[in-house]
Amino acid sequence: LDFNPPAGVHSLLRRGNDELIASGIAGNALSAGDIAPHFILQ
């Protein structure tokens, strides 16, 4: 790509992804069967 980041960037991005997945935080998200919160936004 036009933008070529410094060495080590890709490993840090992968680390961030791996840690977020391993944290299990996605299990906190609402799922099918839940009632969606109402919202009013701009």
All heavy atoms as atom14 arrays in JSON, in Angstrom:
{
  "sequence": "LDFNPPAGVHSLLRRGNDELIASGIAGNALSAGDIAPHFILQ",
  "atom14_mask": [
    [1, 1, 1, 1, 1, 1, 1, 1, 0, 0, 0, 0, 0, 0],
    [1, 1, 1, 1, 1, 1, 1, 1, 0, 0, 0, 0, 0, 0],
    [1, 1, 1, 1, 1, 1, 1, 1, 1, 1, 1, 0, 0, 0],
    [1, 1, 1, 1, 1, 1, 1, 1, 0, 0, 0, 0, 0, 0],
    [1, 1, 1, 1, 1, 1, 1, 0, 0, 0, 0, 0, 0, 0],
    [1, 1, 1, 1, 1, 1, 1, 0, 0, 0, 0, 0, 0, 0],
    [1, 1, 1, 1, 1, 0, 0, 0, 0, 0, 0, 0, 0, 0],
    [1, 1, 1, 1, 0, 0, 0, 0, 0, 0, 0, 0, 0, 0],
    [1, 1, 1, 1, 1, 1, 1, 0, 0, 0, 0, 0, 0, 0],
    [1, 1, 1, 1, 1, 1, 1, 1, 1, 1, 0, 0, 0, 0],
    [1, 1, 1, 1, 1, 1, 0, 0, 0, 0, 0, 0, 0, 0],
    [1, 1, 1, 1, 1, 1, 1, 1, 0, 0, 0, 0, 0, 0],
    [1, 1, 1, 1, 1, 1, 1, 1, 0, 0, 0, 0, 0, 0],
    [1, 1, 1, 1, 1, 1, 1, 1, 1, 1, 1, 0, 0, 0],
    [1, 1, 1, 1, 1, 1, 1, 1, 1, 1, 1, 0, 0, 0],
    [1, 1, 1, 1, 0, 0, 0, 0, 0, 0, 0, 0, 0, 0],
    [1, 1, 1, 1, 1, 1, 1, 1, 0, 0, 0, 0, 0, 0],
    [1, 1, 1, 1, 1, 1, 1, 1, 0, 0, 0, 0, 0, 0],
    [1, 1, 1, 1, 1, 1, 1, 1, 1, 0, 0, 0, 0, 0],
    [1, 1, 1, 1, 1, 1, 1, 1, 0, 0, 0, 0, 0, 0],
    [1, 1, 1, 1, 1, 1, 1, 1, 0, 0, 0, 0, 0, 0],
    [1, 1, 1, 1, 1, 0, 0, 0, 0, 0, 0, 0, 0, 0],
    [1, 1, 1, 1, 1, 1, 0, 0, 0, 0, 0, 0, 0, 0],
    [1, 1, 1, 1, 0, 0, 0, 0, 0, 0, 0, 0, 0, 0],
    [1, 1, 1, 1, 1, 1, 1, 1, 0, 0, 0, 0, 0, 0],
    [1, 1, 1, 1, 1, 0, 0, 0, 0, 0, 0, 0, 0, 0],
    [1, 1, 1, 1, 0, 0, 0, 0, 0, 0, 0, 0, 0, 0],
    [1, 1, 1, 1, 1, 1, 1, 1, 0, 0, 0, 0, 0, 0],
    [1, 1, 1, 1, 1, 0, 0, 0, 0, 0, 0, 0, 0, 0],
    [1, 1, 1, 1, 1, 1, 1, 1, 0, 0, 0, 0, 0, 0],
    [1, 1, 1, 1, 1, 1, 0, 0, 0, 0, 0, 0, 0, 0],
    [1, 1, 1, 1, 1, 0, 0, 0, 0, 0, 0, 0, 0, 0],
    [1, 1, 1, 1, 0, 0, 0, 0, 0, 0, 0, 0, 0, 0],
    [1, 1, 1, 1, 1, 1, 1, 1, 0, 0, 0, 0, 0, 0],
    [1, 1, 1, 1, 1, 1, 1, 1, 0, 0, 0, 0, 0, 0],
    [1, 1, 1, 1, 1, 0, 0, 0, 0, 0, 0, 0, 0, 0],
    [1, 1, 1, 1, 1, 1, 1, 0, 0, 0, 0, 0, 0, 0],
    [1, 1, 1, 1, 1, 1, 1, 1, 1, 1, 0, 0, 0, 0],
    [1, 1, 1, 1, 1, 1, 1, 1, 1, 1, 1, 0, 0, 0],
    [1, 1, 1, 1, 1, 1, 1, 1, 0, 0, 0, 0, 0, 0],
    [1, 1, 1, 1, 1, 1, 1, 1, 0, 0, 0, 0, 0, 0],
    [1, 1, 1, 1, 1, 1, 1, 1, 1, 0, 0, 0, 0, 0]
  ],
  "atom14_positions": [
    [[0.83, -1.19, 0.0], [0.0, 0.0, 0.0], [0.87, 1.25, 0.0], [2.09, 1.19, 0.23], [-0.92, 0.0, 1.23], [-1.84, -1.22, 1.39], [-2.68, -1.08, 2.65], [-2.72, -1.41, 0.17], [0.0, 0.0, 0.0], [0.0, 0.0, 0.0], [0.0, 0.0, 0.0], [0.0, 0.0, 0.0], [0.0, 0.0, 0.0], [0.0, 0.0, 0.0]],
    [[0.24, 2.39, -0.26], [0.99, 3.65, -0.25], [1.61, 3.9, 1.12], [2.7, 4.46, 1.22], [0.06, 4.82, -0.63], [-0.38, 4.76, -2.07], [0.31, 4.11, -2.88], [-1.43, 5.34, -2.39], [0.0, 0.0, 0.0], [0.0, 0.0, 0.0], [0.0, 0.0, 0.0], [0.0, 0.0, 0.0], [0.0, 0.0, 0.0], [0.0, 0.0, 0.0]],
    [[0.88, 3.49, 2.15], [1.39, 3.67, 3.52], [2.06, 2.39, 3.97], [1.45, 1.33, 4.0], [0.24, 4.01, 4.47], [0.63, 3.96, 5.92], [1.54, 4.88, 6.43], [0.11, 3.0, 6.76], [1.91, 4.82, 7.77], [0.46, 2.95, 8.1], [1.37, 3.87, 8.6], [0.0, 0.0, 0.0], [0.0, 0.0, 0.0], [0.0, 0.0, 0.0]],
    [[3.34, 2.48, 4.3], [4.1, 1.31, 4.75], [4.55, 1.56, 6.18], [5.47, 2.34, 6.43], [5.32, 1.09, 3.85], [5.94, -0.28, 4.05], [5.36, -1.13, 4.72], [7.11, -0.48, 3.5], [0.0, 0.0, 0.0], [0.0, 0.0, 0.0], [0.0, 0.0, 0.0], [0.0, 0.0, 0.0], [0.0, 0.0, 0.0], [0.0, 0.0, 0.0]],
    [[3.9, 0.93, 7.17], [4.19, 1.23, 8.58], [5.54, 0.68, 9.01], [6.12, -0.18, 8.35], [3.05, 0.52, 9.31], [2.67, -0.6, 8.42], [2.86, -0.09, 7.02], [0.0, 0.0, 0.0], [0.0, 0.0, 0.0], [0.0, 0.0, 0.0], [0.0, 0.0, 0.0], [0.0, 0.0, 0.0], [0.0, 0.0, 0.0], [0.0, 0.0, 0.0]],
    [[6.06, 1.18, 10.13], [7.35, 0.7, 10.65], [7.28, -0.77, 11.02], [6.21, -1.35, 11.24], [7.57, 1.57, 11.9], [6.64, 2.72, 11.76], [5.49, 2.26, 10.96], [0.0, 0.0, 0.0], [0.0, 0.0, 0.0], [0.0, 0.0, 0.0], [0.0, 0.0, 0.0], [0.0, 0.0, 0.0], [0.0, 0.0, 0.0], [0.0, 0.0, 0.0]],
    [[8.46, -1.38, 11.09], [8.55, -2.79, 11.48], [7.95, -2.98, 12.88], [8.08, -2.13, 13.75], [10.01, -3.23, 11.48], [0.0, 0.0, 0.0], [0.0, 0.0, 0.0], [0.0, 0.0, 0.0], [0.0, 0.0, 0.0], [0.0, 0.0, 0.0], [0.0, 0.0, 0.0], [0.0, 0.0, 0.0], [0.0, 0.0, 0.0], [0.0, 0.0, 0.0]],
    [[7.29, -4.09, 13.06], [6.7, -4.4, 14.36], [5.25, -4.03, 14.49], [4.57, -4.49, 15.42], [0.0, 0.0, 0.0], [0.0, 0.0, 0.0], [0.0, 0.0, 0.0], [0.0, 0.0, 0.0], [0.0, 0.0, 0.0], [0.0, 0.0, 0.0], [0.0, 0.0, 0.0], [0.0, 0.0, 0.0], [0.0, 0.0, 0.0], [0.0, 0.0, 0.0]],
    [[4.75, -3.2, 13.58], [3.36, -2.76, 13.67], [2.4, -3.94, 13.52], [1.44, -4.09, 14.29], [3.06, -1.68, 12.61], [1.55, -1.53, 12.4], [3.66, -0.34, 13.04], [0.0, 0.0, 0.0], [0.0, 0.0, 0.0], [0.0, 0.0, 0.0], [0.0, 0.0, 0.0], [0.0, 0.0, 0.0], [0.0, 0.0, 0.0], [0.0, 0.0, 0.0]],
    [[2.66, -4.79, 12.54], [1.73, -5.88, 12.26], [1.65, -6.86, 13.43], [0.56, -7.37, 13.75], [2.15, -6.61, 10.98], [2.17, -5.73, 9.78], [1.06, -5.04, 9.34], [3.18, -5.38, 8.92], [1.37, -4.33, 8.26], [2.65, -4.53, 8.0], [0.0, 0.0, 0.0], [0.0, 0.0, 0.0], [0.0, 0.0, 0.0], [0.0, 0.0, 0.0]],
    [[2.79, -7.12, 14.07], [2.76, -8.05, 15.2], [1.97, -7.46, 16.37], [1.26, -8.18, 17.09], [4.18, -8.39, 15.64], [4.87, -7.23, 16.09], [0.0, 0.0, 0.0], [0.0, 0.0, 0.0], [0.0, 0.0, 0.0], [0.0, 0.0, 0.0], [0.0, 0.0, 0.0], [0.0, 0.0, 0.0], [0.0, 0.0, 0.0], [0.0, 0.0, 0.0]],
    [[2.05, -6.14, 16.56], [1.28, -5.5, 17.63], [-0.21, -5.53, 17.32], [-1.04, -5.74, 18.23], [1.75, -4.05, 17.83], [3.1, -3.87, 18.51], [3.48, -2.4, 18.55], [3.09, -4.45, 19.92], [0.0, 0.0, 0.0], [0.0, 0.0, 0.0], [0.0, 0.0, 0.0], [0.0, 0.0, 0.0], [0.0, 0.0, 0.0], [0.0, 0.0, 0.0]],
    [[-0.58, -5.32, 16.05], [-1.99, -5.39, 15.68], [-2.54, -6.8, 15.89], [-3.65, -6.97, 16.4], [-2.17, -4.96, 14.23], [-1.94, -3.47, 13.94], [-1.99, -3.21, 12.43], [-2.96, -2.6, 14.65], [0.0, 0.0, 0.0], [0.0, 0.0, 0.0], [0.0, 0.0, 0.0], [0.0, 0.0, 0.0], [0.0, 0.0, 0.0], [0.0, 0.0, 0.0]],
    [[-1.74, -7.79, 15.51], [-2.18, -9.17, 15.72], [-2.3, -9.48, 17.21], [-3.23, -10.17, 17.64], [-1.21, -10.14, 15.04], [-1.34, -10.17, 13.51], [-0.58, -11.34, 12.92], [0.86, -11.16, 13.06], [1.62, -10.57, 12.15], [1.1, -10.1, 11.03], [2.92, -10.45, 12.34], [0.0, 0.0, 0.0], [0.0, 0.0, 0.0], [0.0, 0.0, 0.0]],
    [[-1.36, -8.96, 18.0], [-1.42, -9.17, 19.44], [-2.71, -8.58, 20.01], [-3.39, -9.21, 20.84], [-0.2, -8.53, 20.11], [-0.24, -8.58, 21.64], [0.93, -7.8, 22.22], [0.75, -7.55, 23.65], [1.54, -6.73, 24.37], [2.56, -6.09, 23.78], [1.31, -6.55, 25.66], [0.0, 0.0, 0.0], [0.0, 0.0, 0.0], [0.0, 0.0, 0.0]],
    [[-3.05, -7.37, 19.59], [-4.27, -6.73, 20.08], [-5.5, -7.54, 19.74], [-6.4, -7.71, 20.57], [0.0, 0.0, 0.0], [0.0, 0.0, 0.0], [0.0, 0.0, 0.0], [0.0, 0.0, 0.0], [0.0, 0.0, 0.0], [0.0, 0.0, 0.0], [0.0, 0.0, 0.0], [0.0, 0.0, 0.0], [0.0, 0.0, 0.0], [0.0, 0.0, 0.0]],
    [[-5.55, -8.06, 18.5], [-6.67, -8.9, 18.09], [-6.75, -10.17, 18.93], [-7.81, -10.56, 19.42], [-6.53, -9.27, 16.61], [-7.45, -8.45, 15.73], [-8.29, -7.7, 16.2], [-7.3, -8.61, 14.43], [0.0, 0.0, 0.0], [0.0, 0.0, 0.0], [0.0, 0.0, 0.0], [0.0, 0.0, 0.0], [0.0, 0.0, 0.0], [0.0, 0.0, 0.0]],
    [[-5.6, -10.83, 19.07], [-5.57, -12.1, 19.81], [-6.0, -11.91, 21.26], [-6.74, -12.74, 21.82], [-4.17, -12.71, 19.75], [-3.78, -13.19, 18.35], [-4.68, -13.33, 17.51], [-2.58, -13.41, 18.11], [0.0, 0.0, 0.0], [0.0, 0.0, 0.0], [0.0, 0.0, 0.0], [0.0, 0.0, 0.0], [0.0, 0.0, 0.0], [0.0, 0.0, 0.0]],
    [[-5.54, -10.82, 21.87], [-5.89, -10.57, 23.27], [-7.37, -10.27, 23.44], [-8.01, -10.72, 24.41], [-5.04, -9.43, 23.83], [-3.57, -9.79, 24.02], [-2.73, -8.64, 24.53], [-3.24, -7.49, 24.6], [-1.56, -8.88, 24.86], [0.0, 0.0, 0.0], [0.0, 0.0, 0.0], [0.0, 0.0, 0.0], [0.0, 0.0, 0.0], [0.0, 0.0, 0.0]],
    [[-7.94, -9.51, 22.5], [-9.36, -9.19, 22.6], [-10.21, -10.44, 22.43], [-11.18, -10.65, 23.15], [-9.74, -8.14, 21.56], [-11.13, -7.52, 21.71], [-11.27, -6.8, 23.04], [-11.43, -6.58, 20.56], [0.0, 0.0, 0.0], [0.0, 0.0, 0.0], [0.0, 0.0, 0.0], [0.0, 0.0, 0.0], [0.0, 0.0, 0.0], [0.0, 0.0, 0.0]],
    [[-9.83, -11.29, 21.49], [-10.56, -12.55, 21.29], [-10.46, -13.42, 22.54], [-11.46, -13.96, 23.03], [-10.01, -13.29, 20.06], [-10.3, -12.5, 18.78], [-10.61, -14.69, 19.97], [-9.57, -13.01, 17.57], [0.0, 0.0, 0.0], [0.0, 0.0, 0.0], [0.0, 0.0, 0.0], [0.0, 0.0, 0.0], [0.0, 0.0, 0.0], [0.0, 0.0, 0.0]],
    [[-9.23, -13.53, 23.07], [-9.01, -14.39, 24.24], [-9.73, -13.87, 25.48], [-10.07, -14.67, 26.38], [-7.52, -14.52, 24.52], [0.0, 0.0, 0.0], [0.0, 0.0, 0.0], [0.0, 0.0, 0.0], [0.0, 0.0, 0.0], [0.0, 0.0, 0.0], [0.0, 0.0, 0.0], [0.0, 0.0, 0.0], [0.0, 0.0, 0.0], [0.0, 0.0, 0.0]],
    [[-9.99, -12.58, 25.54], [-10.65, -12.0, 26.71], [-12.09, -12.49, 26.86], [-12.67, -12.41, 27.95], [-10.66, -10.47, 26.62], [-11.59, -10.01, 25.65], [0.0, 0.0, 0.0], [0.0, 0.0, 0.0], [0.0, 0.0, 0.0], [0.0, 0.0, 0.0], [0.0, 0.0, 0.0], [0.0, 0.0, 0.0], [0.0, 0.0, 0.0], [0.0, 0.0, 0.0]],
    [[-12.66, -12.96, 25.76], [-14.05, -13.42, 25.8], [-15.06, -12.29, 25.87], [-16.25, -12.54, 26.12], [0.0, 0.0, 0.0], [0.0, 0.0, 0.0], [0.0, 0.0, 0.0], [0.0, 0.0, 0.0], [0.0, 0.0, 0.0], [0.0, 0.0, 0.0], [0.0, 0.0, 0.0], [0.0, 0.0, 0.0], [0.0, 0.0, 0.0], [0.0, 0.0, 0.0]],
    [[-14.63, -11.07, 25.6], [-15.52, -9.92, 25.76], [-16.69, -9.97, 24.78], [-17.76, -9.41, 25.05], [-14.71, -8.61, 25.6], [-15.53, -7.41, 26.09], [-14.28, -8.4, 24.15], [-14.75, -6.12, 26.16], [0.0, 0.0, 0.0], [0.0, 0.0, 0.0], [0.0, 0.0, 0.0], [0.0, 0.0, 0.0], [0.0, 0.0, 0.0], [0.0, 0.0, 0.0]],
    [[-16.5, -10.66, 23.67], [-17.6, -10.75, 22.71], [-18.81, -11.46, 23.32], [-19.95, -11.25, 22.87], [-17.14, -11.49, 21.44], [0.0, 0.0, 0.0], [0.0, 0.0, 0.0], [0.0, 0.0, 0.0], [0.0, 0.0, 0.0], [0.0, 0.0, 0.0], [0.0, 0.0, 0.0], [0.0, 0.0, 0.0], [0.0, 0.0, 0.0], [0.0, 0.0, 0.0]],
    [[-18.57, -12.25, 24.36], [-19.67, -12.93, 25.04], [-20.57, -11.98, 25.8], [-21.67, -12.37, 26.23], [0.0, 0.0, 0.0], [0.0, 0.0, 0.0], [0.0, 0.0, 0.0], [0.0, 0.0, 0.0], [0.0, 0.0, 0.0], [0.0, 0.0, 0.0], [0.0, 0.0, 0.0], [0.0, 0.0, 0.0], [0.0, 0.0, 0.0], [0.0, 0.0, 0.0]],
    [[-20.13, -10.73, 26.0], [-20.96, -9.74, 26.69], [-21.99, -9.11, 25.77], [-22.91, -8.43, 26.24], [-20.08, -8.62, 27.26], [-19.12, -9.11, 28.33], [-19.38, -10.12, 28.97], [-18.01, -8.4, 28.51], [0.0, 0.0, 0.0], [0.0, 0.0, 0.0], [0.0, 0.0, 0.0], [0.0, 0.0, 0.0], [0.0, 0.0, 0.0], [0.0, 0.0, 0.0]],
    [[-21.82, -9.29, 24.46], [-22.7, -8.62, 23.5], [-24.09, -9.25, 23.5], [-24.26, -10.43, 23.8], [-22.09, -8.7, 22.1], [0.0, 0.0, 0.0], [0.0, 0.0, 0.0], [0.0, 0.0, 0.0], [0.0, 0.0, 0.0], [0.0, 0.0, 0.0], [0.0, 0.0, 0.0], [0.0, 0.0, 0.0], [0.0, 0.0, 0.0], [0.0, 0.0, 0.0]],
    [[-25.07, -8.44, 23.16], [-26.42, -8.95, 23.01], [-26.46, -9.98, 21.88], [-25.66, -9.92, 20.95], [-27.39, -7.81, 22.71], [-27.54, -6.73, 23.79], [-28.63, -5.74, 23.39], [-27.86, -7.35, 25.14], [0.0, 0.0, 0.0], [0.0, 0.0, 0.0], [0.0, 0.0, 0.0], [0.0, 0.0, 0.0], [0.0, 0.0, 0.0], [0.0, 0.0, 0.0]],
    [[-27.39, -10.89, 21.98], [-27.48, -11.96, 21.0], [-28.93, -12.15, 20.57], [-29.85, -11.49, 21.09], [-26.91, -13.26, 21.57], [-27.59, -13.64, 22.76], [0.0, 0.0, 0.0], [0.0, 0.0, 0.0], [0.0, 0.0, 0.0], [0.0, 0.0, 0.0], [0.0, 0.0, 0.0], [0.0, 0.0, 0.0], [0.0, 0.0, 0.0], [0.0, 0.0, 0.0]],
    [[-29.14, -13.06, 19.62], [-30.49, -13.33, 19.13], [-31.39, -13.75, 20.29], [-31.01, -14.56, 21.13], [-30.44, -14.41, 18.07], [0.0, 0.0, 0.0], [0.0, 0.0, 0.0], [0.0, 0.0, 0.0], [0.0, 0.0, 0.0], [0.0, 0.0, 0.0], [0.0, 0.0, 0.0], [0.0, 0.0, 0.0], [0.0, 0.0, 0.0], [0.0, 0.0, 0.0]],
    [[-32.56, -13.16, 20.33], [-33.51, -13.41, 21.42], [-33.57, -12.3, 22.43], [-34.57, -12.15, 23.15], [0.0, 0.0, 0.0], [0.0, 0.0, 0.0], [0.0, 0.0, 0.0], [0.0, 0.0, 0.0], [0.0, 0.0, 0.0], [0.0, 0.0, 0.0], [0.0, 0.0, 0.0], [0.0, 0.0, 0.0], [0.0, 0.0, 0.0], [0.0, 0.0, 0.0]],
    [[-32.5, -11.49, 22.53], [-32.5, -10.34, 23.43], [-33.34, -9.2, 22.84], [-33.54, -9.12, 21.62], [-31.07, -9.83, 23.67], [-30.23, -10.8, 24.48], [-30.81, -11.53, 25.31], [-29.0, -10.84, 24.28], [0.0, 0.0, 0.0], [0.0, 0.0, 0.0], [0.0, 0.0, 0.0], [0.0, 0.0, 0.0], [0.0, 0.0, 0.0], [0.0, 0.0, 0.0]],
    [[-33.8, -8.32, 23.7], [-34.5, -7.12, 23.25], [-33.48, -6.01, 23.03], [-32.66, -5.72, 23.92], [-35.55, -6.67, 24.28], [-36.6, -7.78, 24.46], [-36.22, -5.38, 23.84], [-37.36, -8.12, 23.18], [0.0, 0.0, 0.0], [0.0, 0.0, 0.0], [0.0, 0.0, 0.0], [0.0, 0.0, 0.0], [0.0, 0.0, 0.0], [0.0, 0.0, 0.0]],
    [[-33.53, -5.41, 21.87], [-32.57, -4.35, 21.54], [-32.9, -3.07, 22.3], [-34.08, -2.69, 22.4], [-32.59, -4.08, 20.04], [0.0, 0.0, 0.0], [0.0, 0.0, 0.0], [0.0, 0.0, 0.0], [0.0, 0.0, 0.0], [0.0, 0.0, 0.0], [0.0, 0.0, 0.0], [0.0, 0.0, 0.0], [0.0, 0.0, 0.0], [0.0, 0.0, 0.0]],
    [[-31.89, -2.42, 22.84], [-32.13, -1.13, 23.5], [-32.61, -0.1, 22.48], [-32.14, -0.08, 21.34], [-30.75, -0.75, 24.06], [-29.94, -2.0, 24.0], [-30.47, -2.81, 22.89], [0.0, 0.0, 0.0], [0.0, 0.0, 0.0], [0.0, 0.0, 0.0], [0.0, 0.0, 0.0], [0.0, 0.0, 0.0], [0.0, 0.0, 0.0], [0.0, 0.0, 0.0]],
    [[-33.53, 0.75, 22.89], [-33.94, 1.86, 22.03], [-32.85, 2.94, 22.07], [-32.15, 3.11, 23.08], [-35.26, 2.45, 22.5], [-36.44, 1.56, 22.23], [-36.76, 1.12, 20.97], [-37.38, 1.04, 23.05], [-37.84, 0.37, 21.02], [-38.23, 0.29, 22.28], [0.0, 0.0, 0.0], [0.0, 0.0, 0.0], [0.0, 0.0, 0.0], [0.0, 0.0, 0.0]],
    [[-32.72, 3.67, 20.98], [-31.75, 4.77, 20.95], [-32.28, 5.9, 20.09], [-33.11, 5.71, 19.19], [-30.39, 4.29, 20.42], [-30.42, 3.65, 19.06], [-30.42, 4.43, 17.9], [-30.45, 2.27, 18.92], [-30.45, 3.84, 16.64], [-30.46, 1.66, 17.67], [-30.47, 2.45, 16.53], [0.0, 0.0, 0.0], [0.0, 0.0, 0.0], [0.0, 0.0, 0.0]],
    [[-31.81, 7.09, 20.42], [-32.08, 8.3, 19.64], [-30.73, 8.98, 19.44], [-30.09, 9.41, 20.41], [-33.06, 9.25, 20.35], [-34.41, 8.56, 20.58], [-33.25, 10.52, 19.53], [-35.39, 9.41, 21.38], [0.0, 0.0, 0.0], [0.0, 0.0, 0.0], [0.0, 0.0, 0.0], [0.0, 0.0, 0.0], [0.0, 0.0, 0.0], [0.0, 0.0, 0.0]],
    [[-30.29, 9.07, 18.19], [-28.97, 9.61, 17.87], [-29.08, 10.6, 16.72], [-30.08, 10.63, 16.0], [-28.0, 8.48, 17.48], [-27.68, 7.44, 18.56], [-26.86, 6.31, 17.96], [-26.94, 8.07, 19.74], [0.0, 0.0, 0.0], [0.0, 0.0, 0.0], [0.0, 0.0, 0.0], [0.0, 0.0, 0.0], [0.0, 0.0, 0.0], [0.0, 0.0, 0.0]],
    [[-28.01, 11.36, 16.53], [-27.96, 12.31, 15.42], [-27.21, 11.71, 14.24], [-26.19, 11.02, 14.42], [-27.28, 13.61, 15.84], [-28.16, 14.54, 16.65], [-27.58, 15.94, 16.75], [-26.38, 16.13, 16.65], [-28.44, 16.92, 16.95], [0.0, 0.0, 0.0], [0.0, 0.0, 0.0], [0.0, 0.0, 0.0], [0.0, 0.0, 0.0], [0.0, 0.0, 0.0]]
  ]
}
